[in-house]
PDB file of N, CA and C in Angstrom:
ATOM      1  N   MET A   1     -21.763   6.872  -1.334  1.00  0.00           N
ATOM      2  CA  MET A   1     -21.048   8.019  -1.823  1.00  0.00           C
ATOM      3  C   MET A   1     -19.843   7.539  -2.608  1.00  0.00           C
ATOM      4  N   GLY A   2     -19.567   8.211  -3.682  1.00  0.00           N
ATOM      5  CA  GLY A   2     -18.380   7.915  -4.467  1.00  0.00           C
ATOM      6  C   GLY A   2     -17.422   9.091  -4.414  1.00  0.00           C
ATOM      7  N   VAL A   3     -16.139   8.803  -4.481  1.00  0.00           N
ATOM      8  CA  VAL A   3     -15.114   9.845  -4.432  1.00  0.00           C
ATOM      9  C   VAL A   3     -14.113   9.594  -5.552  1.00  0.00           C
ATOM     10  N   SER A   4     -13.731  10.667  -6.237  1.00  0.00           N
ATOM     11  CA  SER A   4     -12.643  10.565  -7.206  1.00  0.00           C
ATOM     12  C   SER A   4     -11.949  11.916  -7.303  1.00  0.00           C
ATOM     13  N   LYS A   5     -10.846  11.952  -8.035  1.00  0.00           N
ATOM     14  CA  LYS A   5     -10.115  13.200  -8.203  1.00  0.00           C
ATOM     15  C   LYS A   5     -10.669  14.045  -9.348  1.00  0.00           C
ATOM     16  N   ASP A   6     -11.721  13.576  -9.999  1.00  0.00           N
ATOM     17  CA  ASP A   6     -12.349  14.346 -11.072  1.00  0.00           C
ATOM     18  C   ASP A   6     -13.089  15.551 -10.487  1.00  0.00           C
ATOM     19  N   ASP A   7     -13.324  16.564 -11.306  1.00  0.00           N
ATOM     20  CA  ASP A   7     -14.010  17.762 -10.827  1.00  0.00           C
ATOM     21  C   ASP A   7     -15.534  17.572 -10.849  1.00  0.00           C
ATOM     22  N   CYS A   8     -16.244  18.554 -10.288  1.00  0.00           N
ATOM     23  CA  CYS A   8     -17.705  18.474 -10.173  1.00  0.00           C
ATOM     24  C   CYS A   8     -18.396  18.379 -11.528  1.00  0.00           C
ATOM     25  N   GLN A   9     -17.896  19.105 -12.507  1.00  0.00           N
ATOM     26  CA  GLN A   9     -18.492  19.069 -13.845  1.00  0.00           C
ATOM     27  C   GLN A   9     -18.400  17.659 -14.434  1.00  0.00           C
ATOM     28  N   SER A  10     -17.265  17.020 -14.261  1.00  0.00           N
ATOM     29  CA  SER A  10     -17.077  15.650 -14.735  1.00  0.00           C
ATOM     30  C   SER A  10     -18.025  14.699 -14.013  1.00  0.00           C
ATOM     31  N   HIS A  11     -18.187  14.903 -12.717  1.00  0.00           N
ATOM     32  CA  HIS A  11     -19.094  14.053 -11.939  1.00  0.00           C
ATOM     33  C   HIS A  11     -20.534  14.199 -12.416  1.00  0.00           C
ATOM     34  N   GLN A  12     -20.958  15.424 -12.686  1.00  0.00           N
ATOM     35  CA  GLN A  12     -22.327  15.637 -13.156  1.00  0.00           C
ATOM     36  C   GLN A  12     -22.573  14.923 -14.482  1.00  0.00           C
ATOM     37  N   ALA A  13     -21.605  14.978 -15.374  1.00  0.00           N
ATOM     38  CA  ALA A  13     -21.734  14.288 -16.664  1.00  0.00           C
ATOM     39  C   ALA A  13     -21.802  12.780 -16.459  1.00  0.00           C
ATOM     40  N   PHE A  14     -21.002  12.251 -15.533  1.00  0.00           N
ATOM     41  CA  PHE A  14     -20.983  10.822 -15.229  1.00  0.00           C
ATOM     42  C   PHE A  14     -22.324  10.380 -14.645  1.00  0.00           C
ATOM     43  N   ILE A  15     -22.854  11.166 -13.710  1.00  0.00           N
ATOM     44  CA  ILE A  15     -24.153  10.861 -13.097  1.00  0.00           C
ATOM     45  C   ILE A  15     -25.246  10.837 -14.163  1.00  0.00           C
ATOM     46  N   LYS A  16     -25.224  11.818 -15.041  1.00  0.00           N
ATOM     47  CA  LYS A  16     -26.240  11.896 -16.100  1.00  0.00           C
ATOM     48  C   LYS A  16     -26.108  10.732 -17.080  1.00  0.00           C
ATOM     49  N   LYS A  17     -24.878  10.438 -17.496  1.00  0.00           N
ATOM     50  CA  LYS A  17     -24.639   9.373 -18.472  1.00  0.00           C
ATOM     51  C   LYS A  17     -25.144   8.023 -17.980  1.00  0.00           C
ATOM     52  N   TYR A  18     -24.917   7.728 -16.687  1.00  0.00           N
ATOM     53  CA  TYR A  18     -25.281   6.418 -16.143  1.00  0.00           C
ATOM     54  C   TYR A  18     -26.548   6.456 -15.294  1.00  0.00           C
ATOM     55  N   ASP A  19     -27.237   7.598 -15.275  1.00  0.00           N
ATOM     56  CA  ASP A  19     -28.480   7.760 -14.515  1.00  0.00           C
ATOM     57  C   ASP A  19     -28.307   7.287 -13.073  1.00  0.00           C
ATOM     58  N   LEU A  20     -27.286   7.795 -12.414  1.00  0.00           N
ATOM     59  CA  LEU A  20     -26.962   7.378 -11.050  1.00  0.00           C
ATOM     60  C   LEU A  20     -27.771   8.150 -10.019  1.00  0.00           C
ATOM     61  N   GLN A  21     -28.009   7.511  -8.898  1.00  0.00           N
ATOM     62  CA  GLN A  21     -28.694   8.127  -7.771  1.00  0.00           C
ATOM     63  C   GLN A  21     -27.756   8.126  -6.565  1.00  0.00           C
ATOM     64  N   VAL A  22     -26.528   8.528  -6.792  1.00  0.00           N
ATOM     65  CA  VAL A  22     -25.518   8.489  -5.738  1.00  0.00           C
ATOM     66  C   VAL A  22     -24.790   9.830  -5.697  1.00  0.00           C
ATOM     67  N   VAL A  23     -24.338  10.189  -4.509  1.00  0.00           N
ATOM     68  CA  VAL A  23     -23.566  11.415  -4.329  1.00  0.00           C
ATOM     69  C   VAL A  23     -22.115  11.139  -4.704  1.00  0.00           C
ATOM     70  N   LEU A  24     -21.520  12.034  -5.494  1.00  0.00           N
ATOM     71  CA  LEU A  24     -20.111  11.914  -5.854  1.00  0.00           C
ATOM     72  C   LEU A  24     -19.358  13.116  -5.305  1.00  0.00           C
ATOM     73  N   LEU A  25     -18.263  12.851  -4.619  1.00  0.00           N
ATOM     74  CA  LEU A  25     -17.426  13.892  -4.039  1.00  0.00           C
ATOM     75  C   LEU A  25     -16.218  14.124  -4.931  1.00  0.00           C
ATOM     76  N   ALA A  26     -15.937  15.381  -5.231  1.00  0.00           N
ATOM     77  CA  ALA A  26     -14.783  15.742  -6.054  1.00  0.00           C
ATOM     78  C   ALA A  26     -13.595  16.041  -5.142  1.00  0.00           C
ATOM     79  N   ASP A  27     -12.614  15.172  -5.157  1.00  0.00           N
ATOM     80  CA  ASP A  27     -11.394  15.330  -4.357  1.00  0.00           C
ATOM     81  C   ASP A  27     -10.262  15.763  -5.284  1.00  0.00           C
ATOM     82  N   THR A  28     -10.409  16.938  -5.882  1.00  0.00           N
ATOM     83  CA  THR A  28      -9.452  17.377  -6.897  1.00  0.00           C
ATOM     84  C   THR A  28      -8.042  17.567  -6.349  1.00  0.00           C
ATOM     85  N   SER A  29      -7.915  17.834  -5.042  1.00  0.00           N
ATOM     86  CA  SER A  29      -6.585  17.981  -4.442  1.00  0.00           C
ATOM     87  C   SER A  29      -5.935  16.630  -4.161  1.00  0.00           C
ATOM     88  N   GLY A  30      -6.761  15.581  -4.088  1.00  0.00           N
ATOM     89  CA  GLY A  30      -6.250  14.246  -3.789  1.00  0.00           C
ATOM     90  C   GLY A  30      -6.032  13.986  -2.311  1.00  0.00           C
ATOM     91  N   GLU A  31      -6.397  14.939  -1.466  1.00  0.00           N
ATOM     92  CA  GLU A  31      -6.175  14.800  -0.023  1.00  0.00           C
ATOM     93  C   GLU A  31      -6.887  13.575   0.562  1.00  0.00           C
ATOM     94  N   LEU A  32      -8.139  13.397   0.217  1.00  0.00           N
ATOM     95  CA  LEU A  32      -8.901  12.258   0.731  1.00  0.00           C
ATOM     96  C   LEU A  32      -8.388  10.946   0.145  1.00  0.00           C
ATOM     97  N   CYS A  33      -8.080  10.947  -1.145  1.00  0.00           N
ATOM     98  CA  CYS A  33      -7.547   9.742  -1.793  1.00  0.00           C
ATOM     99  C   CYS A  33      -6.234   9.304  -1.145  1.00  0.00           C
ATOM    100  N   ASP A  34      -5.382  10.266  -0.819  1.00  0.00           N
ATOM    101  CA  ASP A  34      -4.130   9.949  -0.124  1.00  0.00           C
ATOM    102  C   ASP A  34      -4.402   9.410   1.276  1.00  0.00           C
ATOM    103  N   ALA A  35      -5.318  10.056   1.999  1.00  0.00           N
ATOM    104  CA  ALA A  35      -5.626   9.651   3.377  1.00  0.00           C
ATOM    105  C   ALA A  35      -6.148   8.215   3.445  1.00  0.00           C
ATOM    106  N   TYR A  36      -6.922   7.811   2.445  1.00  0.00           N
ATOM    107  CA  TYR A  36      -7.480   6.460   2.428  1.00  0.00           C
ATOM    108  C   TYR A  36      -6.598   5.464   1.674  1.00  0.00           C
ATOM    109  N   GLY A  37      -5.482   5.928   1.162  1.00  0.00           N
ATOM    110  CA  GLY A  37      -4.518   5.029   0.529  1.00  0.00           C
ATOM    111  C   GLY A  37      -4.940   4.464  -0.809  1.00  0.00           C
ATOM    112  N   VAL A  38      -5.800   5.182  -1.525  1.00  0.00           N
ATOM    113  CA  VAL A  38      -6.283   4.657  -2.805  1.00  0.00           C
ATOM    114  C   VAL A  38      -5.559   5.250  -4.014  1.00  0.00           C
ATOM    115  N   TRP A  39      -4.737   6.267  -3.819  1.00  0.00           N
ATOM    116  CA  TRP A  39      -3.950   6.855  -4.907  1.00  0.00           C
ATOM    117  C   TRP A  39      -2.631   6.104  -4.942  1.00  0.00           C
ATOM    118  N   GLN A  40      -2.504   5.194  -5.881  1.00  0.00           N
ATOM    119  CA  GLN A  40      -1.366   4.278  -5.912  1.00  0.00           C
ATOM    120  C   GLN A  40      -0.819   4.140  -7.329  1.00  0.00           C
ATOM    121  N   GLU A  41       0.394   3.631  -7.399  1.00  0.00           N
ATOM    122  CA  GLU A  41       0.971   3.325  -8.705  1.00  0.00           C
ATOM    123  C   GLU A  41       0.288   2.080  -9.253  1.00  0.00           C
ATOM    124  N   LYS A  42      -0.114   2.158 -10.517  1.00  0.00           N
ATOM    125  CA  LYS A  42      -0.767   1.036 -11.185  1.00  0.00           C
ATOM    126  C   LYS A  42       0.006   0.729 -12.459  1.00  0.00           C
ATOM    127  N   GLU A  43      -0.106  -0.508 -12.910  1.00  0.00           N
ATOM    128  CA  GLU A  43       0.579  -0.894 -14.139  1.00  0.00           C
ATOM    129  C   GLU A  43      -0.414  -1.536 -15.097  1.00  0.00           C
ATOM    130  N   LYS A  44      -0.386  -1.078 -16.346  1.00  0.00           N
ATOM    131  CA  LYS A  44      -1.230  -1.643 -17.390  1.00  0.00           C
ATOM    132  C   LYS A  44      -0.417  -1.646 -18.676  1.00  0.00           C
ATOM    133  N   ASN A  45      -0.351  -2.800 -19.317  1.00  0.00           N
ATOM    134  CA  ASN A  45       0.431  -2.947 -20.552  1.00  0.00           C
ATOM    135  C   ASN A  45       1.882  -2.500 -20.365  1.00  0.00           C
ATOM    136  N   SER A  46       2.447  -2.880 -19.236  1.00  0.00           N
ATOM    137  CA  SER A  46       3.838  -2.563 -18.875  1.00  0.00           C
ATOM    138  C   SER A  46       4.101  -1.071 -18.693  1.00  0.00           C
ATOM    139  N   ILE A  47       3.046  -0.289 -18.555  1.00  0.00           N
ATOM    140  CA  ILE A  47       3.191   1.147 -18.318  1.00  0.00           C
ATOM    141  C   ILE A  47       2.719   1.448 -16.900  1.00  0.00           C
ATOM    142  N   LYS A  48       3.606   2.066 -16.111  1.00  0.00           N
ATOM    143  CA  LYS A  48       3.267   2.422 -14.738  1.00  0.00           C
ATOM    144  C   LYS A  48       2.803   3.870 -14.684  1.00  0.00           C
ATOM    145  N   LYS A  49       1.739   4.092 -13.922  1.00  0.00           N
ATOM    146  CA  LYS A  49       1.254   5.449 -13.697  1.00  0.00           C
ATOM    147  C   LYS A  49       0.436   5.473 -12.418  1.00  0.00           C
ATOM    148  N   MET A  50       0.238   6.656 -11.890  1.00  0.00           N
ATOM    149  CA  MET A  50      -0.556   6.808 -10.677  1.00  0.00           C
ATOM    150  C   MET A  50      -2.040   6.809 -11.040  1.00  0.00           C
ATOM    151  N   GLY A  51      -2.837   6.233 -10.159  1.00  0.00           N
ATOM    152  CA  GLY A  51      -4.271   6.200 -10.385  1.00  0.00           C
ATOM    153  C   GLY A  51      -4.999   5.755  -9.136  1.00  0.00           C
ATOM    154  N   ILE A  52      -6.299   5.846  -9.175  1.00  0.00           N
ATOM    155  CA  ILE A  52      -7.116   5.436  -8.034  1.00  0.00           C
ATOM    156  C   ILE A  52      -7.392   3.945  -8.116  1.00  0.00           C
ATOM    157  N   VAL A  53      -7.160   3.263  -7.013  1.00  0.00           N
ATOM    158  CA  VAL A  53      -7.500   1.852  -6.887  1.00  0.00           C
ATOM    159  C   VAL A  53      -8.946   1.802  -6.391  1.00  0.00           C
ATOM    160  N   ARG A  54      -9.838   1.248  -7.219  1.00  0.00           N
ATOM    161  CA  ARG A  54     -11.258   1.182  -6.846  1.00  0.00           C
ATOM    162  C   ARG A  54     -11.385   0.416  -5.532  1.00  0.00           C
ATOM    163  N   SER A  55     -12.011   1.047  -4.551  1.00  0.00           N
ATOM    164  CA  SER A  55     -12.057   0.500  -3.198  1.00  0.00           C
ATOM    165  C   SER A  55     -13.413   0.760  -2.564  1.00  0.00           C
ATOM    166  N   ILE A  56     -13.706  -0.018  -1.536  1.00  0.00           N
ATOM    167  CA  ILE A  56     -14.942   0.134  -0.772  1.00  0.00           C
ATOM    168  C   ILE A  56     -14.565   0.343   0.692  1.00  0.00           C
ATOM    169  N   PHE A  57     -15.138   1.382   1.300  1.00  0.00           N
ATOM    170  CA  PHE A  57     -14.967   1.644   2.726  1.00  0.00           C
ATOM    171  C   PHE A  57     -16.358   1.715   3.331  1.00  0.00           C
ATOM    172  N   ILE A  58     -16.636   0.875   4.316  1.00  0.00           N
ATOM    173  CA  ILE A  58     -17.930   0.915   4.990  1.00  0.00           C
ATOM    174  C   ILE A  58     -17.700   1.550   6.353  1.00  0.00           C
ATOM    175  N   ILE A  59     -18.413   2.655   6.585  1.00  0.00           N
ATOM    176  CA  ILE A  59     -18.277   3.429   7.815  1.00  0.00           C
ATOM    177  C   ILE A  59     -19.629   3.408   8.517  1.00  0.00           C
ATOM    178  N   ASP A  60     -19.633   3.036   9.809  1.00  0.00           N
ATOM    179  CA  ASP A  60     -20.908   2.940  10.525  1.00  0.00           C
ATOM    180  C   ASP A  60     -21.416   4.324  10.933  1.00  0.00           C
ATOM    181  N   LYS A  61     -22.587   4.353  11.564  1.00  0.00           N
ATOM    182  CA  LYS A  61     -23.223   5.626  11.907  1.00  0.00           C
ATOM    183  C   LYS A  61     -22.458   6.410  12.964  1.00  0.00           C
ATOM    184  N   HIS A  62     -21.489   5.773  13.609  1.00  0.00           N
ATOM    185  CA  HIS A  62     -20.663   6.445  14.609  1.00  0.00           C
ATOM    186  C   HIS A  62     -19.342   6.938  14.014  1.00  0.00           C
ATOM    187  N   GLY A  63     -19.170   6.731  12.713  1.00  0.00           N
ATOM    188  CA  GLY A  63     -17.953   7.166  12.044  1.00  0.00           C
ATOM    189  C   GLY A  63     -16.812   6.176  12.121  1.00  0.00           C
ATOM    190  N   LYS A  64     -17.101   4.957  12.588  1.00  0.00           N
ATOM    191  CA  LYS A  64     -16.070   3.921  12.703  1.00  0.00           C
ATOM    192  C   LYS A  64     -15.952   3.151  11.386  1.00  0.00           C
ATOM    193  N   LEU A  65     -14.730   2.998  10.922  1.00  0.00           N
ATOM    194  CA  LEU A  65     -14.465   2.221   9.716  1.00  0.00           C
ATOM    195  C   LEU A  65     -14.612   0.741  10.063  1.00  0.00           C
ATOM    196  N   VAL A  66     -15.577   0.060   9.440  1.00  0.00           N
ATOM    197  CA  VAL A  66     -15.857  -1.330   9.800  1.00  0.00           C
ATOM    198  C   VAL A  66     -15.449  -2.341   8.737  1.00  0.00           C
ATOM    199  N   ASP A  67     -15.209  -1.891   7.508  1.00  0.00           N
ATOM    200  CA  ASP A  67     -14.785  -2.821   6.465  1.00  0.00           C
ATOM    201  C   ASP A  67     -14.075  -2.059   5.352  1.00  0.00           C
ATOM    202  N   VAL A  68     -13.028  -2.672   4.808  1.00  0.00           N
ATOM    203  CA  VAL A  68     -12.263  -2.078   3.711  1.00  0.00           C
ATOM    204  C   VAL A  68     -11.966  -3.162   2.691  1.00  0.00           C
ATOM    205  N   GLU A  69     -12.163  -2.846   1.428  1.00  0.00           N
ATOM    206  CA  GLU A  69     -11.791  -3.749   0.340  1.00  0.00           C
ATOM    207  C   GLU A  69     -11.129  -2.923  -0.750  1.00  0.00           C
ATOM    208  N   TYR A  70      -9.942  -3.333  -1.158  1.00  0.00           N
ATOM    209  CA  TYR A  70      -9.213  -2.653  -2.224  1.00  0.00           C
ATOM    210  C   TYR A  70      -9.298  -3.474  -3.512  1.00  0.00           C
ATOM    211  N   ALA A  71      -9.110  -2.804  -4.627  1.00  0.00           N
ATOM    212  CA  ALA A  71      -9.065  -3.430  -5.955  1.00  0.00           C
ATOM    213  C   ALA A  71     -10.334  -4.224  -6.256  1.00  0.00           C
ATOM    214  N   VAL A  72     -11.486  -3.609  -5.976  1.00  0.00           N
ATOM    215  CA  VAL A  72     -12.762  -4.268  -6.256  1.00  0.00           C
ATOM    216  C   VAL A  72     -13.183  -3.994  -7.695  1.00  0.00           C
ATOM    217  N   THR A  73     -14.074  -4.826  -8.201  1.00  0.00           N
ATOM    218  CA  THR A  73     -14.615  -4.623  -9.541  1.00  0.00           C
ATOM    219  C   THR A  73     -15.973  -3.943  -9.430  1.00  0.00           C
ATOM    220  N   ALA A  74     -16.320  -3.171 -10.412  1.00  0.00           N
ATOM    221  CA  ALA A  74     -17.588  -2.440 -10.380  1.00  0.00           C
ATOM    222  C   ALA A  74     -18.777  -3.375 -10.576  1.00  0.00           C
ATOM    223  N   GLU A  75     -18.644  -4.309 -11.483  1.00  0.00           N
ATOM    224  CA  GLU A  75     -19.770  -5.185 -11.799  1.00  0.00           C
ATOM    225  C   GLU A  75     -19.862  -6.358 -10.834  1.00  0.00           C
ATOM    226  N   GLY A  76     -21.098  -6.652 -10.410  1.00  0.00           N
ATOM    227  CA  GLY A  76     -21.344  -7.821  -9.590  1.00  0.00           C
ATOM    228  C   GLY A  76     -20.956  -7.684  -8.135  1.00  0.00           C
ATOM    229  N   HIS A  77     -20.584  -6.497  -7.714  1.00  0.00           N
ATOM    230  CA  HIS A  77     -20.102  -6.320  -6.354  1.00  0.00           C
ATOM    231  C   HIS A  77     -21.135  -5.638  -5.461  1.00  0.00           C
ATOM    232  N   ALA A  78     -22.134  -5.028  -6.047  1.00  0.00           N
ATOM    233  CA  ALA A  78     -23.103  -4.225  -5.307  1.00  0.00           C
ATOM    234  C   ALA A  78     -23.866  -5.029  -4.259  1.00  0.00           C
ATOM    235  N   GLN A  79     -24.334  -6.220  -4.587  1.00  0.00           N
ATOM    236  CA  GLN A  79     -25.116  -7.004  -3.633  1.00  0.00           C
ATOM    237  C   GLN A  79     -24.278  -7.398  -2.422  1.00  0.00           C
ATOM    238  N   GLU A  80     -23.034  -7.767  -2.665  1.00  0.00           N
ATOM    239  CA  GLU A  80     -22.134  -8.123  -1.561  1.00  0.00           C
ATOM    240  C   GLU A  80     -21.941  -6.937  -0.612  1.00  0.00           C
ATOM    241  N   VAL A  81     -21.765  -5.761  -1.173  1.00  0.00           N
ATOM    242  CA  VAL A  81     -21.586  -4.559  -0.356  1.00  0.00           C
ATOM    243  C   VAL A  81     -22.872  -4.243   0.405  1.00  0.00           C
ATOM    244  N   LEU A  82     -24.018  -4.344  -0.259  1.00  0.00           N
ATOM    245  CA  LEU A  82     -25.296  -4.115   0.421  1.00  0.00           C
ATOM    246  C   LEU A  82     -25.489  -5.065   1.591  1.00  0.00           C
ATOM    247  N   ASP A  83     -25.153  -6.318   1.415  1.00  0.00           N
ATOM    248  CA  ASP A  83     -25.271  -7.299   2.496  1.00  0.00           C
ATOM    249  C   ASP A  83     -24.396  -6.915   3.684  1.00  0.00           C
ATOM    250  N   LYS A  84     -23.185  -6.440   3.416  1.00  0.00           N
ATOM    251  CA  LYS A  84     -22.287  -6.021   4.495  1.00  0.00           C
ATOM    252  C   LYS A  84     -22.829  -4.791   5.217  1.00  0.00           C
ATOM    253  N   ILE A  85     -23.380  -3.854   4.454  1.00  0.00           N
ATOM    254  CA  ILE A  85     -23.935  -2.641   5.065  1.00  0.00           C
ATOM    255  C   ILE A  85     -25.105  -2.991   5.968  1.00  0.00           C
ATOM    256  N   LYS A  86     -25.937  -3.927   5.559  1.00  0.00           N
ATOM    257  CA  LYS A  86     -27.085  -4.339   6.371  1.00  0.00           C
ATOM    258  C   LYS A  86     -26.651  -4.951   7.695  1.00  0.00           C
ATOM    259  N   GLN A  87     -25.455  -5.535   7.737  1.00  0.00           N
ATOM    260  CA  GLN A  87     -24.944  -6.135   8.968  1.00  0.00           C
ATOM    261  C   GLN A  87     -24.430  -5.082   9.946  1.00  0.00           C
ATOM    262  N   VAL A  88     -24.150  -3.896   9.435  1.00  0.00           N
ATOM    263  CA  VAL A  88     -23.634  -2.809  10.277  1.00  0.00           C
ATOM    264  C   VAL A  88     -24.800  -2.195  10.979  1.00  0.00           C
TER     265      VAL A  88
END
């Protein structure tokens, strides 16, 4: 599952554009992003602004948080995450 502060319409366009087979949750209020600590100040080209820090949270079937990684990259990370999920 993916979560962002974008709305449902934006998520549908993103899913279609990249032909994704994943559920995306629209957290337009930012409540979930705040709770998980991913809405943070970021700096790019000496400009500071708030944004989502791309992160991975692995939650087991009992609802226990078993692994957290912040500031991950989208490319090349999927296999590592799959391996961790298989261990849960």
